[in-house]
């Protein structure tokens, strides 16, 4: 009588440890894909927001007017607008104080923008460490399930006088499913991590370039 080697039969017939490994990998894979899609949307919005703000910033309008327009968003500010508002707010506050050196005013604005930049980069890097962890550990978790399943398959042959392939095949097949699930969870996570890490780095460079350019503008205004 041939053994049932269908996918669901193998999973339902696996040992408890192998089933737990499969369930863990399935849950991790679902979480990973959820974060992949969310991060893709977040980075796309960040790029679009940066492009829109830079277009407004370099249009030649008054910076004070732009500041009041952008600052109305309050806590919902993200990306370049957040860096701009932090720097211009501090620049305006220090400039109103008497006896403050113009360079000290610019340096104070730069410090605030650096803090805002660090906060924005930290937000962009959210969940990347999880994707890296999934990509690096999932194959090993799947391999653990495979080793455990194969151990059980061969241990079941201990009391058999004549072993056949049909006896050991289901156990090996169900064990290899764990490895396949580990790779299924790891490969998309690694690809997404590499892609999104590069996107975050490019956005960080873009923010940093804006910070330096804006600092130059503030330096000219401070000496007027």
N, C-alpha and C. Protein backbone atom coordinates (compact mmCIF):
# COMPACT_ATOMS: atom_id res chain seq x y z
N UNK A 1 0.86 -1.20 0.00
CA UNK A 1 0.00 0.00 0.00
C UNK A 1 0.88 1.24 0.00
N UNK A 2 0.69 2.14 -0.96
CA UNK A 2 1.54 3.32 -1.10
C UNK A 2 1.17 4.37 -0.07
N UNK A 3 2.18 5.06 0.40
CA UNK A 3 1.97 6.11 1.40
C UNK A 3 1.44 7.37 0.72
N UNK A 4 0.63 8.12 1.46
CA UNK A 4 0.09 9.37 0.95
C UNK A 4 1.15 10.46 1.11
N UNK A 5 1.70 10.93 0.00
CA UNK A 5 2.76 11.93 0.04
C UNK A 5 2.28 13.31 -0.38
N UNK A 6 0.97 13.56 -0.27
CA UNK A 6 0.47 14.90 -0.58
C UNK A 6 1.00 15.90 0.45
N UNK A 7 1.03 17.15 0.05
CA UNK A 7 1.63 18.19 0.88
C UNK A 7 0.96 18.29 2.25
N UNK A 8 -0.35 18.38 2.27
CA UNK A 8 -1.06 18.54 3.55
C UNK A 8 -1.00 17.27 4.40
N UNK A 9 -0.98 16.11 3.75
CA UNK A 9 -0.85 14.87 4.51
C UNK A 9 0.49 14.78 5.20
N UNK A 10 1.53 15.23 4.51
CA UNK A 10 2.86 15.20 5.10
C UNK A 10 2.95 16.14 6.31
N UNK A 11 2.32 17.31 6.19
CA UNK A 11 2.35 18.26 7.30
C UNK A 11 1.56 17.74 8.49
N UNK A 12 0.37 17.22 8.22
CA UNK A 12 -0.46 16.71 9.31
C UNK A 12 0.15 15.48 9.97
N UNK A 13 0.94 14.73 9.22
CA UNK A 13 1.55 13.53 9.76
C UNK A 13 2.91 13.75 10.36
N UNK A 14 3.41 14.99 10.31
CA UNK A 14 4.73 15.27 10.86
C UNK A 14 4.70 15.24 12.37
N UNK A 15 5.86 15.11 12.96
CA UNK A 15 5.95 15.11 14.42
C UNK A 15 5.63 16.51 14.95
N UNK A 16 5.38 16.59 16.25
CA UNK A 16 4.98 17.86 16.86
C UNK A 16 6.06 18.93 16.70
N UNK A 17 7.31 18.55 16.89
CA UNK A 17 8.41 19.52 16.77
C UNK A 17 8.49 20.07 15.35
N UNK A 18 8.38 19.20 14.36
CA UNK A 18 8.45 19.64 12.96
C UNK A 18 7.25 20.52 12.63
N UNK A 19 6.08 20.17 13.14
CA UNK A 19 4.90 21.01 12.92
C UNK A 19 5.06 22.38 13.54
N UNK A 20 5.65 22.43 14.73
CA UNK A 20 5.89 23.72 15.38
C UNK A 20 6.87 24.56 14.57
N UNK A 21 7.90 23.93 14.02
CA UNK A 21 8.86 24.65 13.18
C UNK A 21 8.16 25.19 11.93
N UNK A 22 7.32 24.37 11.32
CA UNK A 22 6.59 24.82 10.12
C UNK A 22 5.66 25.98 10.44
N UNK A 23 4.96 25.88 11.57
CA UNK A 23 4.04 26.96 11.96
C UNK A 23 4.81 28.25 12.23
N UNK A 24 5.96 28.13 12.91
CA UNK A 24 6.79 29.31 13.19
C UNK A 24 7.26 29.96 11.90
N UNK A 25 7.72 29.15 10.97
CA UNK A 25 8.21 29.70 9.70
C UNK A 25 7.09 30.32 8.89
N UNK A 26 5.90 29.72 8.93
CA UNK A 26 4.75 30.29 8.23
C UNK A 26 4.37 31.64 8.82
N UNK A 27 4.35 31.72 10.16
CA UNK A 27 4.01 32.98 10.83
C UNK A 27 5.05 34.06 10.51
N UNK A 28 6.32 33.68 10.55
CA UNK A 28 7.40 34.62 10.25
C UNK A 28 7.32 35.09 8.80
N UNK A 29 6.99 34.17 7.90
CA UNK A 29 6.87 34.54 6.49
C UNK A 29 5.74 35.54 6.27
N UNK A 30 4.60 35.32 6.93
CA UNK A 30 3.47 36.25 6.81
C UNK A 30 3.85 37.62 7.35
N UNK A 31 4.49 37.65 8.52
CA UNK A 31 4.93 38.92 9.09
C UNK A 31 5.94 39.61 8.19
N UNK A 32 6.84 38.83 7.62
CA UNK A 32 7.86 39.39 6.73
C UNK A 32 7.24 40.03 5.50
N UNK A 33 6.30 39.32 4.87
CA UNK A 33 5.66 39.89 3.68
C UNK A 33 4.84 41.14 4.03
N UNK A 34 4.21 41.13 5.20
CA UNK A 34 3.46 42.32 5.64
C UNK A 34 4.39 43.52 5.77
N UNK A 35 5.54 43.32 6.40
CA UNK A 35 6.49 44.41 6.57
C UNK A 35 7.12 44.82 5.25
N UNK A 36 7.31 43.88 4.35
CA UNK A 36 7.86 44.21 3.03
C UNK A 36 6.94 45.17 2.29
N UNK A 37 5.65 44.88 2.28
CA UNK A 37 4.71 45.75 1.58
C UNK A 37 4.56 47.10 2.28
N UNK A 38 4.55 47.08 3.61
CA UNK A 38 4.44 48.35 4.34
C UNK A 38 5.68 49.22 4.11
N UNK A 39 6.84 48.61 4.16
CA UNK A 39 8.07 49.38 3.96
C UNK A 39 8.16 49.90 2.53
N UNK A 40 7.69 49.12 1.58
CA UNK A 40 7.69 49.59 0.19
C UNK A 40 6.82 50.84 0.06
N UNK A 41 5.64 50.82 0.68
CA UNK A 41 4.75 51.98 0.63
C UNK A 41 5.37 53.17 1.34
N UNK A 42 5.96 52.95 2.51
CA UNK A 42 6.55 54.04 3.29
C UNK A 42 7.70 54.70 2.55
N UNK A 43 8.56 53.92 1.93
CA UNK A 43 9.69 54.48 1.20
C UNK A 43 9.24 55.22 -0.06
N UNK A 44 8.22 54.69 -0.71
CA UNK A 44 7.69 55.39 -1.89
C UNK A 44 7.10 56.74 -1.49
N UNK A 45 6.37 56.77 -0.38
CA UNK A 45 5.81 58.04 0.10
C UNK A 45 6.92 59.02 0.49
N UNK A 46 7.97 58.51 1.10
CA UNK A 46 9.09 59.38 1.50
C UNK A 46 9.76 60.00 0.29
N UNK A 47 9.95 59.22 -0.77
CA UNK A 47 10.56 59.75 -1.98
C UNK A 47 9.66 60.81 -2.63
N UNK A 48 8.37 60.51 -2.72
CA UNK A 48 7.44 61.47 -3.32
C UNK A 48 7.37 62.76 -2.51
N UNK A 49 7.37 62.62 -1.18
CA UNK A 49 7.32 63.79 -0.31
C UNK A 49 8.58 64.63 -0.45
N UNK A 50 9.73 63.98 -0.56
CA UNK A 50 10.99 64.70 -0.73
C UNK A 50 11.01 65.47 -2.05
N UNK A 51 10.55 64.82 -3.11
CA UNK A 51 10.52 65.48 -4.42
C UNK A 51 9.57 66.67 -4.42
N UNK A 52 8.40 66.50 -3.82
CA UNK A 52 7.43 67.60 -3.78
C UNK A 52 7.95 68.77 -2.95
N UNK A 53 8.57 68.48 -1.82
CA UNK A 53 9.06 69.57 -0.97
C UNK A 53 10.24 70.29 -1.61
N UNK A 54 11.15 69.54 -2.22
CA UNK A 54 12.28 70.19 -2.87
C UNK A 54 11.82 71.09 -4.00
N UNK A 55 10.78 70.69 -4.70
CA UNK A 55 10.24 71.54 -5.77
C UNK A 55 9.70 72.85 -5.20
N UNK A 56 9.01 72.77 -4.07
CA UNK A 56 8.50 73.97 -3.42
C UNK A 56 9.64 74.82 -2.84
N UNK A 57 10.63 74.14 -2.26
CA UNK A 57 11.72 74.86 -1.60
C UNK A 57 12.55 75.65 -2.60
N UNK A 58 12.84 75.03 -3.73
CA UNK A 58 13.70 75.69 -4.72
C UNK A 58 12.91 76.51 -5.74
N UNK A 59 11.65 76.73 -5.49
CA UNK A 59 10.84 77.55 -6.40
C UNK A 59 11.13 79.03 -6.26
N UNK A 60 11.87 79.41 -5.22
CA UNK A 60 12.25 80.81 -5.04
C UNK A 60 11.31 81.58 -4.15
N UNK A 61 10.38 80.91 -3.47
CA UNK A 61 9.47 81.60 -2.57
C UNK A 61 10.13 81.98 -1.25
N UNK A 62 9.40 82.75 -0.46
CA UNK A 62 9.91 83.19 0.83
C UNK A 62 9.95 82.01 1.81
N UNK A 63 11.09 81.87 2.49
CA UNK A 63 11.26 80.73 3.40
C UNK A 63 10.33 80.83 4.60
N UNK A 64 10.10 82.03 5.08
CA UNK A 64 9.21 82.20 6.23
C UNK A 64 7.79 81.78 5.88
N UNK A 65 7.36 82.12 4.69
CA UNK A 65 6.02 81.72 4.25
C UNK A 65 5.94 80.21 4.11
N UNK A 66 6.98 79.62 3.52
CA UNK A 66 7.01 78.17 3.37
C UNK A 66 7.01 77.50 4.74
N UNK A 67 7.74 78.08 5.68
CA UNK A 67 7.79 77.51 7.03
C UNK A 67 6.41 77.48 7.67
N UNK A 68 5.68 78.58 7.59
CA UNK A 68 4.34 78.64 8.19
C UNK A 68 3.38 77.68 7.51
N UNK A 69 3.53 77.51 6.21
CA UNK A 69 2.66 76.58 5.50
C UNK A 69 2.94 75.13 5.90
N UNK A 70 4.22 74.79 5.99
CA UNK A 70 4.60 73.42 6.29
C UNK A 70 4.37 73.08 7.76
N UNK A 71 4.66 74.05 8.65
CA UNK A 71 4.57 73.80 10.10
C UNK A 71 3.14 73.54 10.55
N UNK A 72 2.17 73.88 9.74
CA UNK A 72 0.76 73.66 10.12
C UNK A 72 0.43 72.17 10.25
N UNK A 73 1.22 71.32 9.61
CA UNK A 73 0.95 69.89 9.69
C UNK A 73 1.27 69.31 11.06
N UNK A 74 2.07 70.02 11.83
CA UNK A 74 2.36 69.60 13.20
C UNK A 74 3.09 68.28 13.28
N UNK A 75 2.56 67.34 14.06
CA UNK A 75 3.24 66.08 14.32
C UNK A 75 3.24 65.14 13.11
N UNK A 76 2.46 65.45 12.10
CA UNK A 76 2.41 64.59 10.92
C UNK A 76 3.56 64.86 9.95
N UNK A 77 4.44 65.80 10.30
CA UNK A 77 5.57 66.12 9.44
C UNK A 77 6.52 64.94 9.34
N UNK A 78 6.98 64.65 8.14
CA UNK A 78 7.93 63.58 7.91
C UNK A 78 8.95 64.01 6.87
N UNK A 79 10.12 63.42 6.91
CA UNK A 79 11.11 63.62 5.87
C UNK A 79 11.69 65.02 5.82
N UNK A 80 11.92 65.52 4.61
CA UNK A 80 12.53 66.83 4.42
C UNK A 80 11.75 67.96 5.09
N UNK A 81 10.42 67.99 5.02
CA UNK A 81 9.70 69.06 5.71
C UNK A 81 10.01 69.10 7.20
N UNK A 82 10.15 67.95 7.83
CA UNK A 82 10.46 67.91 9.26
C UNK A 82 11.84 68.50 9.54
N UNK A 83 12.82 68.19 8.69
CA UNK A 83 14.16 68.72 8.86
C UNK A 83 14.17 70.24 8.64
N UNK A 84 13.45 70.68 7.62
CA UNK A 84 13.37 72.11 7.32
C UNK A 84 12.74 72.89 8.46
N UNK A 85 11.62 72.40 8.97
CA UNK A 85 10.92 73.10 10.06
C UNK A 85 11.79 73.15 11.31
N UNK A 86 12.47 72.05 11.64
CA UNK A 86 13.33 72.04 12.83
C UNK A 86 14.45 73.06 12.72
N UNK A 87 15.08 73.13 11.54
CA UNK A 87 16.18 74.07 11.35
C UNK A 87 15.72 75.51 11.32
N UNK A 88 14.66 75.81 10.59
CA UNK A 88 14.21 77.19 10.46
C UNK A 88 13.63 77.72 11.77
N UNK A 89 12.96 76.84 12.53
CA UNK A 89 12.41 77.26 13.82
C UNK A 89 13.53 77.69 14.77
N UNK A 90 14.58 76.86 14.83
CA UNK A 90 15.70 77.18 15.72
C UNK A 90 16.46 78.40 15.21
N UNK A 91 16.60 78.53 13.91
CA UNK A 91 17.27 79.69 13.32
C UNK A 91 16.53 80.97 13.68
N UNK A 92 15.21 80.96 13.55
CA UNK A 92 14.40 82.14 13.88
C UNK A 92 14.48 82.46 15.37
N UNK A 93 14.44 81.45 16.20
CA UNK A 93 14.48 81.67 17.66
C UNK A 93 15.81 82.28 18.09
N UNK A 94 16.91 81.74 17.59
CA UNK A 94 18.23 82.25 17.98
C UNK A 94 18.51 83.64 17.39
N UNK A 95 17.98 83.87 16.21
CA UNK A 95 18.23 85.16 15.57
C UNK A 95 17.54 86.31 16.29
N UNK A 96 16.43 86.00 16.97
CA UNK A 96 15.70 87.03 17.72
C UNK A 96 16.42 87.43 19.00
N UNK A 97 17.31 86.57 19.47
CA UNK A 97 18.05 86.88 20.69
C UNK A 97 19.17 87.87 20.39
N UNK A 98 19.36 88.80 21.28
CA UNK A 98 20.38 89.83 21.09
C UNK A 98 21.76 89.30 21.45
N UNK A 99 22.74 89.71 20.67
CA UNK A 99 24.13 89.37 20.96
C UNK A 99 24.56 87.98 20.57
N UNK A 100 23.75 87.27 19.83
CA UNK A 100 24.12 85.92 19.41
C UNK A 100 24.91 86.01 18.11
N UNK A 101 26.07 85.36 18.09
CA UNK A 101 26.92 85.38 16.91
C UNK A 101 26.20 84.69 15.74
N UNK A 102 26.29 85.25 14.53
CA UNK A 102 25.61 84.64 13.38
C UNK A 102 26.00 83.18 13.15
N UNK A 103 27.25 82.85 13.35
CA UNK A 103 27.67 81.46 13.16
C UNK A 103 27.06 80.55 14.22
N UNK A 104 26.89 81.09 15.45
CA UNK A 104 26.26 80.30 16.50
C UNK A 104 24.79 80.03 16.16
N UNK A 105 24.17 81.00 15.50
CA UNK A 105 22.78 80.82 15.07
C UNK A 105 22.69 79.68 14.05
N UNK A 106 23.59 79.70 13.07
CA UNK A 106 23.58 78.66 12.04
C UNK A 106 23.91 77.29 12.63
N UNK A 107 24.90 77.27 13.53
CA UNK A 107 25.28 76.00 14.15
C UNK A 107 24.14 75.42 14.99
N UNK A 108 23.40 76.29 15.66
CA UNK A 108 22.26 75.83 16.43
C UNK A 108 21.19 75.23 15.53
N UNK A 109 20.94 75.88 14.39
CA UNK A 109 19.97 75.35 13.43
C UNK A 109 20.44 74.02 12.86
N UNK A 110 21.75 73.91 12.61
CA UNK A 110 22.29 72.66 12.09
C UNK A 110 22.13 71.52 13.09
N UNK A 111 22.35 71.79 14.36
CA UNK A 111 22.19 70.75 15.38
C UNK A 111 20.76 70.24 15.41
N UNK A 112 19.81 71.15 15.34
CA UNK A 112 18.40 70.73 15.34
C UNK A 112 18.07 69.91 14.10
N UNK A 113 18.64 70.31 12.97
CA UNK A 113 18.38 69.56 11.75
C UNK A 113 19.03 68.18 11.79
N UNK A 114 20.18 68.08 12.43
CA UNK A 114 20.84 66.78 12.57
C UNK A 114 20.00 65.84 13.43
N UNK A 115 19.43 66.38 14.49
CA UNK A 115 18.56 65.57 15.34
C UNK A 115 17.34 65.10 14.57
N UNK A 116 16.74 66.01 13.80
CA UNK A 116 15.58 65.65 12.99
C UNK A 116 15.95 64.63 11.92
N UNK A 117 17.14 64.79 11.33
CA UNK A 117 17.62 63.84 10.32
C UNK A 117 17.78 62.45 10.93
N UNK A 118 18.39 62.40 12.11
CA UNK A 118 18.58 61.11 12.77
C UNK A 118 17.24 60.45 13.07
N UNK A 119 16.28 61.24 13.48
CA UNK A 119 14.94 60.70 13.78
C UNK A 119 14.27 60.17 12.52
N UNK A 120 14.42 60.86 11.42
CA UNK A 120 13.80 60.43 10.17
C UNK A 120 14.46 59.16 9.63
N UNK A 121 15.77 59.07 9.73
CA UNK A 121 16.47 57.87 9.27
C UNK A 121 16.09 56.68 10.13
N UNK A 122 15.97 56.91 11.43
CA UNK A 122 15.56 55.83 12.33
C UNK A 122 14.16 55.32 11.96
N UNK A 123 13.29 56.23 11.57
CA UNK A 123 11.94 55.85 11.15
C UNK A 123 11.98 55.05 9.85
N UNK A 124 12.83 55.47 8.93
CA UNK A 124 12.94 54.76 7.66
C UNK A 124 13.50 53.35 7.84
N UNK A 125 14.36 53.16 8.83
CA UNK A 125 14.99 51.86 9.06
C UNK A 125 14.13 50.92 9.89
N UNK A 126 12.94 51.35 10.29
CA UNK A 126 12.05 50.49 11.06
C UNK A 126 11.74 49.20 10.30
N UNK A 127 11.83 48.08 10.98
CA UNK A 127 11.54 46.73 10.47
C UNK A 127 12.64 46.16 9.59
N UNK A 128 13.65 46.94 9.23
CA UNK A 128 14.72 46.38 8.42
C UNK A 128 15.51 45.33 9.19
N UNK A 129 15.71 45.57 10.48
CA UNK A 129 16.43 44.58 11.28
C UNK A 129 15.66 43.26 11.37
N UNK A 130 14.33 43.35 11.39
CA UNK A 130 13.52 42.13 11.42
C UNK A 130 13.70 41.34 10.12
N UNK A 131 13.69 42.04 8.99
CA UNK A 131 13.89 41.36 7.70
C UNK A 131 15.27 40.72 7.64
N UNK A 132 16.27 41.41 8.17
CA UNK A 132 17.62 40.85 8.18
C UNK A 132 17.68 39.59 9.05
N UNK A 133 17.00 39.64 10.19
CA UNK A 133 16.98 38.48 11.08
C UNK A 133 16.28 37.30 10.44
N UNK A 134 15.15 37.56 9.79
CA UNK A 134 14.41 36.49 9.11
C UNK A 134 15.26 35.88 8.00
N UNK A 135 15.93 36.74 7.24
CA UNK A 135 16.74 36.24 6.13
C UNK A 135 17.92 35.40 6.58
N UNK A 136 18.47 35.72 7.75
CA UNK A 136 19.67 35.01 8.20
C UNK A 136 19.36 33.77 9.03
N UNK A 137 18.22 33.74 9.71
CA UNK A 137 17.95 32.63 10.64
C UNK A 137 16.93 31.61 10.12
N UNK A 138 16.04 32.02 9.22
CA UNK A 138 14.99 31.10 8.76
C UNK A 138 15.54 29.80 8.15
N UNK A 139 16.60 29.87 7.32
CA UNK A 139 17.12 28.59 6.79
C UNK A 139 17.59 27.64 7.89
N UNK A 140 18.16 28.20 8.95
CA UNK A 140 18.65 27.34 10.04
C UNK A 140 17.49 26.75 10.83
N UNK A 141 16.44 27.54 11.01
CA UNK A 141 15.26 27.02 11.70
C UNK A 141 14.64 25.89 10.87
N UNK A 142 14.54 26.10 9.56
CA UNK A 142 14.03 25.05 8.68
C UNK A 142 14.93 23.82 8.69
N UNK A 143 16.23 24.05 8.73
CA UNK A 143 17.17 22.92 8.77
C UNK A 143 17.03 22.13 10.07
N UNK A 144 16.77 22.84 11.16
CA UNK A 144 16.53 22.15 12.43
C UNK A 144 15.33 21.22 12.32
N UNK A 145 14.24 21.71 11.71
CA UNK A 145 13.06 20.88 11.51
C UNK A 145 13.36 19.68 10.63
N UNK A 146 14.19 19.90 9.61
CA UNK A 146 14.55 18.80 8.71
C UNK A 146 15.37 17.73 9.43
N UNK A 147 16.36 18.16 10.19
CA UNK A 147 17.19 17.21 10.92
C UNK A 147 16.35 16.41 11.91
N UNK A 148 15.47 17.13 12.61
CA UNK A 148 14.61 16.44 13.59
C UNK A 148 13.71 15.41 12.90
N UNK A 149 13.13 15.80 11.76
CA UNK A 149 12.24 14.89 11.03
C UNK A 149 12.97 13.67 10.51
N UNK A 150 14.19 13.87 10.00
CA UNK A 150 14.96 12.74 9.49
C UNK A 150 15.38 11.81 10.62
N UNK A 151 15.71 12.40 11.77
CA UNK A 151 16.04 11.58 12.94
C UNK A 151 14.86 10.68 13.31
N UNK A 152 13.67 11.25 13.33
CA UNK A 152 12.48 10.46 13.65
C UNK A 152 12.23 9.39 12.61
N UNK A 153 12.47 9.74 11.33
CA UNK A 153 12.23 8.78 10.25
C UNK A 153 13.13 7.56 10.39
N UNK A 154 14.40 7.78 10.68
CA UNK A 154 15.33 6.66 10.82
C UNK A 154 15.15 5.94 12.16
N UNK A 155 14.73 6.67 13.18
CA UNK A 155 14.49 6.02 14.47
C UNK A 155 13.31 5.06 14.37
N UNK A 156 12.35 5.39 13.49
CA UNK A 156 11.20 4.51 13.31
C UNK A 156 11.55 3.19 12.66
N UNK A 157 12.75 3.11 12.06
CA UNK A 157 13.19 1.87 11.41
C UNK A 157 13.94 0.94 12.35
N UNK A 158 14.07 1.37 13.61
CA UNK A 158 14.88 0.58 14.55
C UNK A 158 14.30 -0.80 14.78
N UNK A 159 12.99 -0.91 14.83
CA UNK A 159 12.34 -2.19 15.13
C UNK A 159 11.86 -2.91 13.87
N UNK A 160 12.31 -2.44 12.70
CA UNK A 160 11.90 -3.06 11.44
C UNK A 160 13.02 -3.96 10.95
N UNK A 161 12.68 -5.21 10.61
CA UNK A 161 13.70 -6.17 10.16
C UNK A 161 14.19 -5.85 8.75
N UNK A 162 13.27 -5.40 7.90
CA UNK A 162 13.65 -5.11 6.52
C UNK A 162 13.12 -3.74 6.13
N UNK A 163 13.99 -2.77 6.05
CA UNK A 163 13.59 -1.39 5.73
C UNK A 163 13.40 -1.24 4.23
N UNK A 164 12.38 -0.48 3.88
CA UNK A 164 12.11 -0.17 2.47
C UNK A 164 12.01 1.33 2.30
N UNK A 165 12.11 1.78 1.05
CA UNK A 165 12.04 3.20 0.77
C UNK A 165 10.68 3.78 1.15
N UNK A 166 9.62 3.01 0.99
CA UNK A 166 8.28 3.50 1.30
C UNK A 166 8.12 3.77 2.79
N UNK A 167 8.93 3.12 3.62
CA UNK A 167 8.85 3.35 5.05
C UNK A 167 9.49 4.68 5.47
N UNK A 168 10.59 5.01 4.84
CA UNK A 168 11.34 6.19 5.24
C UNK A 168 11.01 7.43 4.40
N UNK A 169 10.44 7.22 3.21
CA UNK A 169 10.17 8.35 2.32
C UNK A 169 9.25 9.40 2.92
N UNK A 170 8.11 9.03 3.55
CA UNK A 170 7.24 10.07 4.11
C UNK A 170 7.93 10.92 5.17
N UNK A 171 8.71 10.28 6.04
CA UNK A 171 9.41 11.03 7.09
C UNK A 171 10.42 12.00 6.52
N UNK A 172 11.17 11.57 5.51
CA UNK A 172 12.15 12.47 4.89
C UNK A 172 11.46 13.59 4.13
N UNK A 173 10.36 13.25 3.45
CA UNK A 173 9.63 14.26 2.68
C UNK A 173 9.07 15.35 3.59
N UNK A 174 8.46 14.96 4.71
CA UNK A 174 7.90 15.95 5.62
C UNK A 174 9.00 16.78 6.26
N UNK A 175 10.18 16.16 6.46
CA UNK A 175 11.29 16.91 7.04
C UNK A 175 11.81 17.96 6.06
N UNK A 176 11.88 17.60 4.78
CA UNK A 176 12.39 18.54 3.78
C UNK A 176 11.44 19.71 3.56
N UNK A 177 10.16 19.54 3.89
CA UNK A 177 9.22 20.65 3.78
C UNK A 177 9.65 21.78 4.69
N UNK A 178 10.19 21.44 5.86
CA UNK A 178 10.64 22.47 6.79
C UNK A 178 11.76 23.31 6.18
N UNK A 179 12.70 22.66 5.51
CA UNK A 179 13.77 23.40 4.84
C UNK A 179 13.22 24.29 3.74
N UNK A 180 12.27 23.76 2.97
CA UNK A 180 11.67 24.55 1.89
C UNK A 180 10.96 25.78 2.46
N UNK A 181 10.25 25.62 3.56
CA UNK A 181 9.56 26.74 4.17
C UNK A 181 10.54 27.76 4.73
N UNK A 182 11.67 27.27 5.26
CA UNK A 182 12.70 28.19 5.74
C UNK A 182 13.26 29.03 4.62
N UNK A 183 13.51 28.41 3.47
CA UNK A 183 14.00 29.17 2.31
C UNK A 183 12.94 30.11 1.77
N UNK A 184 11.68 29.68 1.80
CA UNK A 184 10.58 30.52 1.33
C UNK A 184 10.46 31.78 2.18
N UNK A 185 10.74 31.65 3.47
CA UNK A 185 10.69 32.83 4.35
C UNK A 185 11.93 33.70 4.20
N UNK A 186 13.09 33.06 3.98
CA UNK A 186 14.35 33.80 4.00
C UNK A 186 14.62 34.57 2.72
N UNK A 187 14.37 33.96 1.57
CA UNK A 187 14.77 34.58 0.30
C UNK A 187 14.10 35.93 0.06
N UNK A 188 12.77 36.05 0.20
CA UNK A 188 12.16 37.37 0.02
C UNK A 188 12.66 38.39 1.04
N UNK A 189 12.90 37.93 2.28
CA UNK A 189 13.37 38.86 3.32
C UNK A 189 14.75 39.41 2.98
N UNK A 190 15.64 38.56 2.48
CA UNK A 190 16.98 39.01 2.11
C UNK A 190 16.93 39.98 0.94
N UNK A 191 16.15 39.65 -0.06
CA UNK A 191 16.02 40.54 -1.23
C UNK A 191 15.46 41.89 -0.81
N UNK A 192 14.39 41.87 0.00
CA UNK A 192 13.77 43.11 0.45
C UNK A 192 14.73 43.93 1.31
N UNK A 193 15.45 43.25 2.20
CA UNK A 193 16.40 43.97 3.07
C UNK A 193 17.47 44.68 2.25
N UNK A 194 18.05 43.99 1.29
CA UNK A 194 19.09 44.61 0.46
C UNK A 194 18.54 45.78 -0.34
N UNK A 195 17.35 45.61 -0.90
CA UNK A 195 16.74 46.67 -1.70
C UNK A 195 16.39 47.87 -0.84
N UNK A 196 15.74 47.64 0.29
CA UNK A 196 15.28 48.74 1.12
C UNK A 196 16.43 49.42 1.85
N UNK A 197 17.48 48.68 2.18
CA UNK A 197 18.64 49.30 2.80
C UNK A 197 19.29 50.30 1.85
N UNK A 198 19.34 49.92 0.57
CA UNK A 198 19.87 50.84 -0.43
C UNK A 198 18.97 52.06 -0.59
N UNK A 199 17.65 51.85 -0.57
CA UNK A 199 16.72 52.97 -0.69
C UNK A 199 16.85 53.92 0.49
N UNK A 200 16.99 53.36 1.69
CA UNK A 200 17.14 54.20 2.89
C UNK A 200 18.44 55.00 2.82
N UNK A 201 19.50 54.37 2.37
CA UNK A 201 20.78 55.07 2.25
C UNK A 201 20.70 56.22 1.26
N UNK A 202 20.01 56.01 0.17
CA UNK A 202 19.86 57.07 -0.83
C UNK A 202 19.03 58.23 -0.28
N UNK A 203 17.97 57.90 0.46
CA UNK A 203 17.16 58.95 1.07
C UNK A 203 17.96 59.71 2.12
N UNK A 204 18.75 58.98 2.90
CA UNK A 204 19.58 59.63 3.91
C UNK A 204 20.56 60.61 3.27
N UNK A 205 21.18 60.20 2.17
CA UNK A 205 22.09 61.09 1.44
C UNK A 205 21.34 62.31 0.90
N UNK A 206 20.14 62.08 0.45
CA UNK A 206 19.32 63.19 -0.07
C UNK A 206 18.99 64.17 1.05
N UNK A 207 18.62 63.65 2.20
CA UNK A 207 18.32 64.51 3.35
C UNK A 207 19.56 65.28 3.78
N UNK A 208 20.69 64.58 3.81
CA UNK A 208 21.93 65.22 4.26
C UNK A 208 22.37 66.32 3.28
N UNK A 209 22.20 66.08 1.99
CA UNK A 209 22.54 67.11 1.00
C UNK A 209 21.65 68.34 1.17
N UNK A 210 20.35 68.10 1.42
CA UNK A 210 19.45 69.23 1.65
C UNK A 210 19.87 70.00 2.89
N UNK A 211 20.26 69.28 3.94
CA UNK A 211 20.67 69.94 5.18
C UNK A 211 21.86 70.86 4.92
N UNK A 212 22.83 70.40 4.17
CA UNK A 212 24.00 71.23 3.89
C UNK A 212 23.65 72.44 3.03
N UNK A 213 22.80 72.23 2.03
CA UNK A 213 22.40 73.33 1.16
C UNK A 213 21.57 74.36 1.93
N UNK A 214 20.68 73.88 2.77
CA UNK A 214 19.85 74.78 3.57
C UNK A 214 20.71 75.54 4.58
N UNK A 215 21.73 74.89 5.12
CA UNK A 215 22.64 75.55 6.07
C UNK A 215 23.38 76.70 5.39
N UNK A 216 23.75 76.50 4.12
CA UNK A 216 24.41 77.56 3.38
C UNK A 216 23.49 78.76 3.20
N UNK A 217 22.23 78.51 2.91
CA UNK A 217 21.25 79.59 2.77
C UNK A 217 21.07 80.32 4.10
N UNK A 218 20.96 79.57 5.18
CA UNK A 218 20.81 80.20 6.50
C UNK A 218 22.03 81.00 6.88
N UNK A 219 23.19 80.54 6.48
CA UNK A 219 24.42 81.28 6.78
C UNK A 219 24.43 82.63 6.08
N UNK A 220 23.97 82.67 4.85
CA UNK A 220 23.88 83.95 4.14
C UNK A 220 22.87 84.87 4.79
N UNK A 221 21.74 84.32 5.21
CA UNK A 221 20.71 85.14 5.86
C UNK A 221 21.18 85.63 7.22
N UNK A 222 21.96 84.84 7.93
CA UNK A 222 22.41 85.22 9.27
C UNK A 222 23.33 86.44 9.23
N UNK A 223 24.05 86.61 8.12
CA UNK A 223 24.99 87.74 8.02
C UNK A 223 24.37 88.96 7.38
N UNK A 224 23.09 88.88 7.03
CA UNK A 224 22.42 90.05 6.44
C UNK A 224 21.91 90.98 7.54
